[in-house]
Amino acid sequence: MKRPMTGKDAHLSAVKTPLTLDDIVDLRAYERERAGFRSRVIEVKQRRRVAVGPFVTFVFENRDTVRFQIQEMARAERMLRDEQIQTELDTYNALLPSVGELSATMFLELTTTTELEEWLPKLVGIERAAVLVADDTEIACTPEAAHAAQLTRETITSAVHYVRFAVMPDQIELLRSARSVRLAVAHPAYAHATELHENTRKELLADLA
């Protein structure tokens, strides 16, 4: 007999379980819920967005942020067929964190052609340079495997990367109890760090619960 799902089980299931076609509403239904859902996701992203230095920003992903990306893509492209939505699901489900992981989108927010031409060659390898620092303990990132082949290059980097942080059980406790938790980029051409706000720490600990 299957035991009842506890609150903790439900959270773990939510972290691990991919989104399906049943989670994505059609265009008319989405227009009815969009304003409220968009407002809620913006609020969630504010807690999960971390700016590191002048132009690198991380957004730690969860089911709400990923579902929002898919719904907005379907809306913009007027996707009506299940096969179209499934292609987006296959792409974006890779961003969901598994148990014991944090998953983030890294944006290089370069806004001019001059900035892009200057910095994208300089920042090759930046998708391997992010690190969470809890007191003196470092948790390094790795590029998200499903996207790495497309985004990792030898002479010029992409303006968007997807990264993961594998967090061991003792490190989870450290993220909870540490006096200082920072998100840093340790790249030869870009070395900056940001102290995580308490609300952001709570969001990440919820992902790791």
Protein backbone atom coordinates (compact mmCIF):
# COMPACT_ATOMS: atom_id res chain seq x y z
CA MET A 1 0.00 0.00 0.00
CA LYS A 2 1.34 3.41 -0.96
CA ARG A 3 1.99 5.62 2.06
CA PRO A 4 0.50 9.15 2.14
CA MET A 5 2.68 11.90 0.72
CA THR A 6 3.97 14.23 3.42
CA GLY A 7 4.64 17.94 2.94
CA LYS A 8 8.36 17.22 2.58
CA ASP A 9 7.66 14.48 0.02
CA ALA A 10 5.44 16.84 -1.93
CA HIS A 11 8.18 19.45 -2.12
CA LEU A 12 10.74 16.92 -3.31
CA SER A 13 8.29 15.66 -5.91
CA ALA A 14 7.69 19.22 -7.10
CA VAL A 15 11.42 19.81 -7.48
CA LYS A 16 12.08 16.58 -9.38
CA THR A 17 8.93 16.13 -11.49
CA PRO A 18 9.14 17.53 -15.03
CA LEU A 19 6.38 19.74 -16.34
CA THR A 20 4.01 18.00 -18.75
CA LEU A 21 1.45 19.07 -21.33
CA ASP A 22 -1.17 19.03 -18.56
CA ASP A 23 0.72 21.83 -16.77
CA ILE A 24 0.60 24.15 -19.79
CA VAL A 25 -2.76 25.78 -20.41
CA ASP A 26 -4.00 26.81 -23.86
CA LEU A 27 -3.75 30.39 -25.07
CA ARG A 28 -7.25 31.53 -24.12
CA ALA A 29 -6.98 30.04 -20.63
CA TYR A 30 -3.53 31.55 -20.18
CA GLU A 31 -4.78 35.03 -21.11
CA ARG A 32 -7.33 34.74 -18.29
CA GLU A 33 -4.71 33.83 -15.68
CA ARG A 34 -1.70 35.65 -17.11
CA ALA A 35 -1.87 38.90 -15.16
CA GLY A 36 -2.03 37.17 -11.77
CA PHE A 37 0.50 34.47 -12.69
CA ARG A 38 2.93 36.99 -14.18
CA SER A 39 2.71 39.18 -11.07
CA ARG A 40 3.41 36.17 -8.84
CA VAL A 41 6.37 35.01 -10.93
CA ILE A 42 7.87 38.51 -10.96
CA GLU A 43 7.69 38.50 -7.16
CA VAL A 44 9.27 35.03 -7.02
CA LYS A 45 12.04 36.05 -9.43
CA GLN A 46 12.88 39.11 -7.34
CA ARG A 47 13.79 36.76 -4.49
CA ARG A 48 15.65 34.37 -6.80
CA ARG A 49 17.57 36.93 -8.86
CA VAL A 50 21.15 37.76 -7.86
CA ALA A 51 23.26 40.41 -9.59
CA VAL A 52 27.01 39.71 -9.36
CA GLY A 53 29.13 42.62 -10.46
CA PRO A 54 28.13 45.16 -13.12
CA PHE A 55 26.49 42.89 -15.70
CA VAL A 56 26.23 39.23 -14.65
CA THR A 57 22.89 38.15 -13.20
CA PHE A 58 21.69 34.75 -12.01
CA VAL A 59 18.06 33.62 -11.74
CA PHE A 60 17.60 30.42 -9.74
CA GLU A 61 14.93 28.38 -11.48
CA ASN A 62 11.96 26.45 -10.10
CA ARG A 63 8.72 25.09 -11.55
CA ASP A 64 7.00 28.48 -11.54
CA THR A 65 9.81 30.26 -13.39
CA VAL A 66 10.14 27.44 -15.94
CA ARG A 67 6.39 27.16 -16.52
CA PHE A 68 6.26 30.94 -17.02
CA GLN A 69 8.96 30.75 -19.70
CA ILE A 70 7.09 28.03 -21.56
CA GLN A 71 3.70 29.78 -21.32
CA GLU A 72 5.21 33.07 -22.51
CA MET A 73 7.00 31.34 -25.40
CA ALA A 74 3.78 29.60 -26.43
CA ARG A 75 1.92 32.91 -26.24
CA ALA A 76 4.50 34.85 -28.25
CA GLU A 77 4.77 32.17 -30.95
CA ARG A 78 1.02 31.38 -30.96
CA MET A 79 1.70 27.69 -30.37
CA LEU A 80 -1.48 25.64 -30.75
CA ARG A 81 -0.25 22.07 -31.25
CA ASP A 82 0.86 19.65 -28.55
CA GLU A 83 4.03 18.83 -30.53
CA GLN A 84 5.10 22.48 -30.39
CA ILE A 85 4.55 22.69 -26.64
CA GLN A 86 6.32 19.37 -26.08
CA THR A 87 9.42 20.72 -27.83
CA GLU A 88 9.49 23.62 -25.35
CA LEU A 89 8.92 21.23 -22.43
CA ASP A 90 11.82 19.07 -23.56
CA THR A 91 14.05 22.15 -23.67
CA TYR A 92 13.04 23.92 -20.49
CA ASN A 93 12.51 20.91 -18.20
CA ALA A 94 16.30 20.57 -18.23
CA LEU A 95 16.39 23.74 -16.12
CA LEU A 96 14.49 22.20 -13.21
CA PRO A 97 16.75 21.30 -10.27
CA SER A 98 16.89 17.72 -9.07
CA VAL A 99 17.07 16.81 -5.38
CA GLY A 100 20.28 18.16 -3.88
CA GLU A 101 20.77 20.67 -6.69
CA LEU A 102 20.29 24.32 -7.43
CA SER A 103 19.73 25.36 -11.03
CA ALA A 104 20.25 28.86 -12.38
CA THR A 105 20.21 30.82 -15.61
CA MET A 106 23.25 33.07 -15.94
CA PHE A 107 22.71 36.23 -17.99
CA LEU A 108 25.51 38.43 -19.32
CA GLU A 109 23.54 41.65 -19.54
CA LEU A 110 25.51 43.38 -22.25
CA THR A 111 23.37 45.91 -24.07
CA THR A 112 25.48 47.34 -26.89
CA THR A 113 27.38 45.89 -29.82
CA THR A 114 30.58 47.38 -28.42
CA GLU A 115 30.08 45.64 -25.07
CA LEU A 116 29.27 42.32 -26.74
CA GLU A 117 32.33 42.49 -28.98
CA GLU A 118 34.57 43.39 -26.03
CA TRP A 119 33.31 41.01 -23.37
CA LEU A 120 32.05 37.82 -25.03
CA PRO A 121 35.57 36.80 -26.16
CA LYS A 122 37.00 37.76 -22.75
CA LEU A 123 34.50 35.69 -20.79
CA VAL A 124 34.98 32.28 -22.41
CA GLY A 125 34.57 29.70 -19.65
CA ILE A 126 32.46 31.89 -17.37
CA GLU A 127 29.84 29.12 -17.17
CA ARG A 128 32.35 27.17 -15.04
CA ALA A 129 33.38 30.13 -12.88
CA ALA A 130 30.37 30.62 -10.60
CA VAL A 131 30.67 29.49 -7.00
CA LEU A 132 28.53 29.64 -3.86
CA VAL A 133 30.63 30.50 -0.82
CA ALA A 134 29.18 29.64 2.60
CA ASP A 135 31.63 31.09 5.14
CA ASP A 136 34.84 29.45 3.83
CA THR A 137 33.25 26.52 1.96
CA GLU A 138 32.96 26.76 -1.82
CA ILE A 139 30.32 24.99 -3.93
CA ALA A 140 31.32 25.21 -7.59
CA CYS A 141 28.88 25.19 -10.49
CA THR A 142 28.84 23.01 -13.58
CA PRO A 143 27.25 23.86 -16.94
CA GLU A 144 23.85 22.28 -17.54
CA ALA A 145 24.70 19.28 -19.70
CA ALA A 146 21.76 19.48 -22.10
CA HIS A 147 22.75 23.00 -23.17
CA ALA A 148 26.52 22.94 -22.78
CA ALA A 149 27.22 21.62 -26.30
CA GLN A 150 25.35 24.57 -27.81
CA LEU A 151 26.57 27.31 -25.47
CA THR A 152 30.16 26.38 -24.56
CA ARG A 153 32.66 27.68 -27.11
CA GLU A 154 36.42 28.12 -27.28
CA THR A 155 36.75 31.64 -28.67
CA ILE A 156 33.55 33.47 -27.74
CA THR A 157 30.99 32.79 -25.05
CA SER A 158 27.20 33.04 -25.10
CA ALA A 159 25.25 35.81 -23.35
CA VAL A 160 23.14 33.16 -21.60
CA HIS A 161 24.24 30.01 -19.75
CA TYR A 162 22.52 27.42 -17.59
CA VAL A 163 24.40 26.16 -14.54
CA ARG A 164 23.89 23.76 -11.64
CA PHE A 165 25.24 23.58 -8.12
CA ALA A 166 25.35 20.07 -6.59
CA VAL A 167 24.97 20.59 -2.84
CA MET A 168 25.90 17.84 -0.37
CA PRO A 169 23.75 17.31 2.77
CA ASP A 170 26.36 18.86 5.08
CA GLN A 171 26.64 21.83 2.72
CA ILE A 172 22.86 22.33 2.88
CA GLU A 173 23.14 22.71 6.63
CA LEU A 174 26.03 25.10 6.16
CA LEU A 175 23.98 27.23 3.76
CA ARG A 176 21.37 27.42 6.50
CA SER A 177 23.69 28.25 9.40
CA ALA A 178 26.57 30.15 7.77
CA ARG A 179 27.18 33.73 8.84
CA SER A 180 27.85 34.67 5.23
CA VAL A 181 26.65 33.14 1.95
CA ARG A 182 27.90 34.75 -1.25
CA LEU A 183 27.45 34.06 -4.94
CA ALA A 184 30.70 34.77 -6.74
CA VAL A 185 32.13 34.70 -10.24
CA ALA A 186 35.82 33.81 -10.16
CA HIS A 187 36.92 34.38 -13.76
CA PRO A 188 40.25 35.96 -14.80
CA ALA A 189 38.38 38.74 -16.60
CA TYR A 190 35.49 39.09 -14.15
CA ALA A 191 35.88 38.62 -10.40
CA HIS A 192 32.90 39.80 -8.32
CA ALA A 193 30.79 38.52 -5.44
CA THR A 194 27.41 39.35 -3.89
CA GLU A 195 26.13 38.54 -0.41
CA LEU A 196 22.83 36.66 -0.68
CA HIS A 197 19.80 38.36 0.81
CA GLU A 198 18.06 36.38 3.53
CA ASN A 199 14.97 35.95 1.31
CA THR A 200 17.15 34.45 -1.44
CA ARG A 201 18.77 32.03 1.02
CA LYS A 202 15.30 30.91 2.10
CA GLU A 203 14.29 30.27 -1.52
CA LEU A 204 17.40 28.19 -2.19
CA LEU A 205 17.04 26.24 1.03
CA ALA A 206 13.44 25.45 0.06
CA ASP A 207 14.76 24.00 -3.22
CA LEU A 208 17.20 21.88 -1.22
CA ALA A 209 14.83 20.88 1.61
